[in-house]
N, C-alpha and C. Protein backbone atom coordinates (compact mmCIF):
# COMPACT_ATOMS: atom_id res chain seq x y z
N MET A 1 75.63 61.59 98.65
CA MET A 1 76.84 62.67 99.13
C MET A 1 76.08 64.00 99.25
N ALA A 2 74.93 64.59 98.74
CA ALA A 2 74.47 66.03 98.90
C ALA A 2 73.99 65.63 100.28
N GLU A 3 73.26 64.61 100.59
CA GLU A 3 72.43 64.56 101.82
C GLU A 3 73.80 64.66 103.11
N SER A 4 74.74 64.19 102.87
CA SER A 4 75.72 64.10 103.96
C SER A 4 76.18 65.52 104.10
N GLY A 5 76.28 66.15 103.02
CA GLY A 5 76.58 67.67 103.37
C GLY A 5 75.49 68.54 104.01
N ARG A 6 74.30 68.19 103.63
CA ARG A 6 73.21 68.49 104.22
C ARG A 6 73.11 68.59 105.88
N ASP A 7 73.52 67.10 106.15
CA ASP A 7 73.39 66.77 107.19
C ASP A 7 74.70 67.50 108.36
N VAL A 8 75.58 67.66 107.81
CA VAL A 8 76.66 68.31 108.29
C VAL A 8 76.46 69.80 108.52
N ALA A 9 75.80 70.58 107.29
CA ALA A 9 75.37 71.80 107.64
C ALA A 9 74.39 72.10 108.77
N ALA A 10 73.68 70.98 108.94
CA ALA A 10 72.35 70.89 109.71
C ALA A 10 73.19 71.04 111.28
N VAL A 11 74.14 69.93 111.40
CA VAL A 11 74.57 69.62 112.70
C VAL A 11 75.47 71.01 113.20
N VAL A 12 76.12 71.80 112.03
CA VAL A 12 76.97 72.80 112.37
C VAL A 12 75.84 74.10 112.79
N GLY A 13 74.65 74.16 112.15
CA GLY A 13 73.81 75.10 112.47
C GLY A 13 73.27 75.03 113.64
N ARG A 14 73.02 73.84 114.20
CA ARG A 14 72.72 73.68 115.64
C ARG A 14 73.63 74.15 116.72
N LEU A 15 75.03 73.69 116.25
CA LEU A 15 76.11 73.96 117.27
C LEU A 15 76.56 75.36 117.41
N VAL A 16 76.55 76.10 116.26
CA VAL A 16 77.05 77.56 116.07
C VAL A 16 76.03 78.54 116.42
N PRO A 17 76.09 79.38 117.24
CA PRO A 17 75.17 80.22 117.77
C PRO A 17 74.96 81.44 116.47
N ASP A 18 73.53 81.87 116.55
CA ASP A 18 73.22 82.67 115.35
C ASP A 18 73.95 83.92 115.28
N VAL A 19 74.66 84.59 116.48
CA VAL A 19 75.37 85.66 116.18
C VAL A 19 76.58 85.28 115.22
N ILE A 20 77.23 84.27 115.54
CA ILE A 20 78.38 83.80 114.55
C ILE A 20 78.02 83.60 113.16
N ARG A 21 76.74 82.89 113.11
CA ARG A 21 76.42 82.22 111.59
C ARG A 21 75.88 83.62 110.91
N ARG A 22 75.46 84.78 111.26
CA ARG A 22 75.00 85.80 110.51
C ARG A 22 75.88 86.57 109.83
N SER A 23 77.29 86.56 110.42
CA SER A 23 78.17 87.56 109.82
C SER A 23 79.37 86.91 109.37
N PHE A 24 79.95 87.12 108.05
CA PHE A 24 81.06 86.53 107.54
C PHE A 24 82.33 86.79 108.47
N ALA A 25 82.45 88.23 108.95
CA ALA A 25 83.69 88.41 109.67
C ALA A 25 83.87 87.63 111.08
N ARG A 26 82.65 87.54 111.58
CA ARG A 26 82.63 86.65 113.00
C ARG A 26 83.16 85.23 112.45
N LYS A 27 82.43 84.70 111.49
CA LYS A 27 82.80 83.27 110.86
C LYS A 27 84.40 83.14 110.72
N PHE A 28 84.89 84.09 110.08
CA PHE A 28 86.45 84.27 109.89
C PHE A 28 87.08 84.16 111.11
N VAL A 29 86.71 85.24 111.98
CA VAL A 29 87.43 85.37 113.16
C VAL A 29 87.36 84.18 114.14
N THR A 30 86.21 83.51 114.14
CA THR A 30 86.06 82.27 114.90
C THR A 30 86.92 81.30 114.30
N VAL A 31 87.01 80.92 112.97
CA VAL A 31 87.72 80.10 112.48
C VAL A 31 89.28 80.48 112.73
N VAL A 32 89.70 81.36 112.57
CA VAL A 32 91.21 81.74 112.82
C VAL A 32 91.62 81.55 114.22
N LEU A 33 90.77 81.93 115.35
CA LEU A 33 90.81 81.98 116.61
C LEU A 33 90.93 80.18 116.95
N LEU A 34 90.13 79.58 116.34
CA LEU A 34 89.75 78.21 116.65
C LEU A 34 91.27 77.39 116.11
N ALA A 35 91.83 77.87 114.92
CA ALA A 35 92.99 77.41 114.49
C ALA A 35 94.22 77.76 115.14
N MET A 36 94.47 78.84 115.63
CA MET A 36 95.33 79.30 116.54
C MET A 36 95.44 78.40 117.89
N VAL A 37 94.06 78.15 118.42
CA VAL A 37 93.95 77.45 119.55
C VAL A 37 94.50 75.99 119.44
N VAL A 38 94.25 75.54 118.22
CA VAL A 38 94.63 73.94 117.71
C VAL A 38 96.22 74.01 117.60
N MET A 39 96.81 75.03 116.95
CA MET A 39 98.13 75.26 116.53
C MET A 39 98.87 75.32 117.84
N GLY A 40 98.33 76.19 118.74
CA GLY A 40 99.08 76.61 120.08
C GLY A 40 99.08 75.13 120.92
N GLY A 41 98.11 74.61 121.03
CA GLY A 41 98.12 73.20 121.55
C GLY A 41 99.00 72.19 121.14
N VAL A 42 99.01 72.12 119.80
CA VAL A 42 99.91 71.06 119.09
C VAL A 42 101.56 71.68 119.23
N GLY A 43 101.59 73.20 119.24
CA GLY A 43 102.94 73.57 119.31
C GLY A 43 103.53 73.23 120.91
N GLY A 44 102.73 73.65 121.69
CA GLY A 44 103.01 73.28 123.28
C GLY A 44 103.14 71.91 123.68
N TYR A 45 102.56 70.87 122.86
CA TYR A 45 102.79 69.80 123.27
C TYR A 45 104.24 69.33 122.60
N GLN A 46 104.53 69.70 121.50
CA GLN A 46 105.75 69.62 120.89
C GLN A 46 106.91 70.08 121.71
N TYR A 47 106.80 71.33 122.14
CA TYR A 47 107.70 72.02 122.96
C TYR A 47 107.90 71.14 124.31
N LEU A 48 106.93 70.64 124.84
CA LEU A 48 107.12 70.03 126.02
C LEU A 48 107.65 68.49 125.79
N SER A 49 107.44 67.88 124.86
CA SER A 49 108.05 66.76 124.16
C SER A 49 109.48 66.80 124.11
N ALA A 50 109.90 67.84 123.25
CA ALA A 50 111.14 68.05 123.04
C ALA A 50 112.03 68.34 124.14
N THR A 51 111.50 69.15 125.12
CA THR A 51 112.23 69.43 126.32
C THR A 51 112.45 68.31 127.05
N ASP A 52 111.59 67.31 127.17
CA ASP A 52 111.74 66.18 127.98
C ASP A 52 112.64 65.35 127.21
N ARG A 53 112.86 65.37 125.88
CA ARG A 53 113.96 64.55 125.23
C ARG A 53 115.36 65.17 125.38
N VAL A 54 115.45 66.37 125.46
CA VAL A 54 116.80 67.14 125.41
C VAL A 54 117.21 66.75 126.80
N GLU A 55 116.00 66.87 127.95
CA GLU A 55 116.84 66.92 129.20
C GLU A 55 117.22 65.52 129.62
N ALA A 56 116.45 64.15 129.17
CA ALA A 56 117.17 62.75 128.97
C ALA A 56 118.31 62.72 128.41
N GLN A 57 118.61 63.34 127.44
CA GLN A 57 119.90 63.15 126.63
C GLN A 57 121.00 63.87 127.35
N VAL A 58 120.80 65.24 128.23
CA VAL A 58 121.62 65.60 128.93
C VAL A 58 122.08 64.64 130.02
N ASP A 59 121.10 64.32 130.72
CA ASP A 59 121.23 63.44 131.94
C ASP A 59 122.09 62.06 131.40
N ASP A 60 121.62 61.47 130.35
CA ASP A 60 122.44 60.23 129.80
C ASP A 60 124.17 60.95 129.83
N ARG A 61 124.17 62.11 129.12
CA ARG A 61 125.57 62.31 128.86
C ARG A 61 126.46 62.78 130.04
N LEU A 62 125.45 63.37 130.95
CA LEU A 62 126.28 63.80 132.24
C LEU A 62 126.59 62.56 132.80
N SER A 63 125.87 61.55 133.15
CA SER A 63 125.87 60.25 133.73
C SER A 63 127.39 59.57 133.20
N SER A 64 127.48 59.61 131.72
CA SER A 64 128.47 58.78 131.39
C SER A 64 129.65 59.73 131.48
N THR A 65 129.81 60.94 131.39
CA THR A 65 131.02 61.67 131.43
C THR A 65 131.37 61.62 132.99
N ALA A 66 130.37 61.53 133.85
CA ALA A 66 130.77 61.27 135.33
C ALA A 66 131.43 59.95 135.56
N GLN A 67 130.80 58.97 134.94
CA GLN A 67 131.46 57.47 134.96
C GLN A 67 132.91 57.65 134.18
N LEU A 68 132.99 58.27 133.31
CA LEU A 68 134.31 58.08 132.65
C LEU A 68 135.42 59.02 133.60
N GLN A 69 135.07 60.15 134.04
CA GLN A 69 135.84 60.83 135.01
C GLN A 69 136.09 60.06 136.34
N ALA A 70 135.13 59.24 136.98
CA ALA A 70 135.42 58.43 137.84
C ALA A 70 136.54 57.49 137.63
N ASP A 71 136.20 56.80 136.61
CA ASP A 71 137.39 55.69 136.10
C ASP A 71 138.43 56.18 135.76
N GLY A 72 138.74 57.26 135.34
CA GLY A 72 140.22 58.08 135.34
C GLY A 72 140.71 58.50 136.71
N MET A 73 139.99 58.86 137.55
CA MET A 73 140.47 59.29 138.84
C MET A 73 140.85 57.97 139.65
N ASP A 74 139.87 56.82 139.44
CA ASP A 74 140.33 55.49 140.07
C ASP A 74 141.72 54.94 139.46
N GLY A 75 141.84 55.21 138.25
CA GLY A 75 143.10 54.78 137.51
C GLY A 75 144.26 55.71 138.18
N TRP A 76 144.00 56.95 138.24
CA TRP A 76 145.13 57.75 138.71
C TRP A 76 145.36 57.44 140.27
N ILE A 77 144.46 57.24 141.00
CA ILE A 77 144.59 56.86 142.53
C ILE A 77 145.37 55.59 142.68
N ASN A 78 144.89 54.63 141.89
CA ASN A 78 145.57 53.42 141.92
C ASN A 78 147.15 53.47 141.71
N GLY A 79 147.32 54.42 140.51
CA GLY A 79 148.62 54.29 140.17
C GLY A 79 149.54 55.19 141.28
N LEU A 80 149.02 55.96 142.08
CA LEU A 80 149.43 56.58 143.28
C LEU A 80 149.74 55.54 144.30
N LYS A 81 149.05 54.82 144.52
CA LYS A 81 149.17 53.77 145.65
C LYS A 81 150.04 52.65 145.22
N ASN A 82 150.07 52.22 143.87
CA ASN A 82 151.01 51.25 143.42
C ASN A 82 152.05 51.70 142.14
N PRO A 83 152.90 52.61 142.67
CA PRO A 83 153.82 53.00 141.46
C PRO A 83 154.53 51.92 140.89
N SER A 84 154.56 51.96 139.55
CA SER A 84 155.34 50.89 138.87
C SER A 84 156.72 51.39 138.88
N SER A 85 157.50 50.47 139.53
CA SER A 85 159.00 50.60 139.42
C SER A 85 159.48 50.29 138.27
N THR A 86 160.27 51.25 137.74
CA THR A 86 161.14 50.89 136.43
C THR A 86 162.60 51.22 137.00
N SER A 87 163.19 50.13 136.67
CA SER A 87 164.71 50.08 137.10
C SER A 87 165.35 50.24 135.85
N THR A 88 166.46 50.93 135.85
CA THR A 88 167.23 51.12 134.68
C THR A 88 168.81 50.73 135.16
N THR A 89 169.31 49.73 134.56
CA THR A 89 170.64 49.10 134.98
C THR A 89 171.71 49.69 133.94
N SER A 90 172.63 50.01 134.72
CA SER A 90 173.95 50.65 133.85
C SER A 90 174.92 49.41 133.74
N THR A 91 175.18 49.32 132.57
CA THR A 91 176.46 48.48 132.58
C THR A 91 177.70 48.99 132.25
């Protein structure tokens, strides 16, 4: 277990420039900036995903509303073309 920690430290030591490794403040700023970039990426993905879902729901509702209105208009027009005759008889 201790060797794996040393291996990780060696890999990080090779990847991170000396300028950042020497200063705690630079390490801190680098980690904070990296976390902000990751969170911004995840947030941006979630925003775009939610936008797509909302647009799809709006499109579905608009289509169903238009279909209902078209059916209502069709019934109204058919009622005008073929008025039902109601006759009342007086006795």
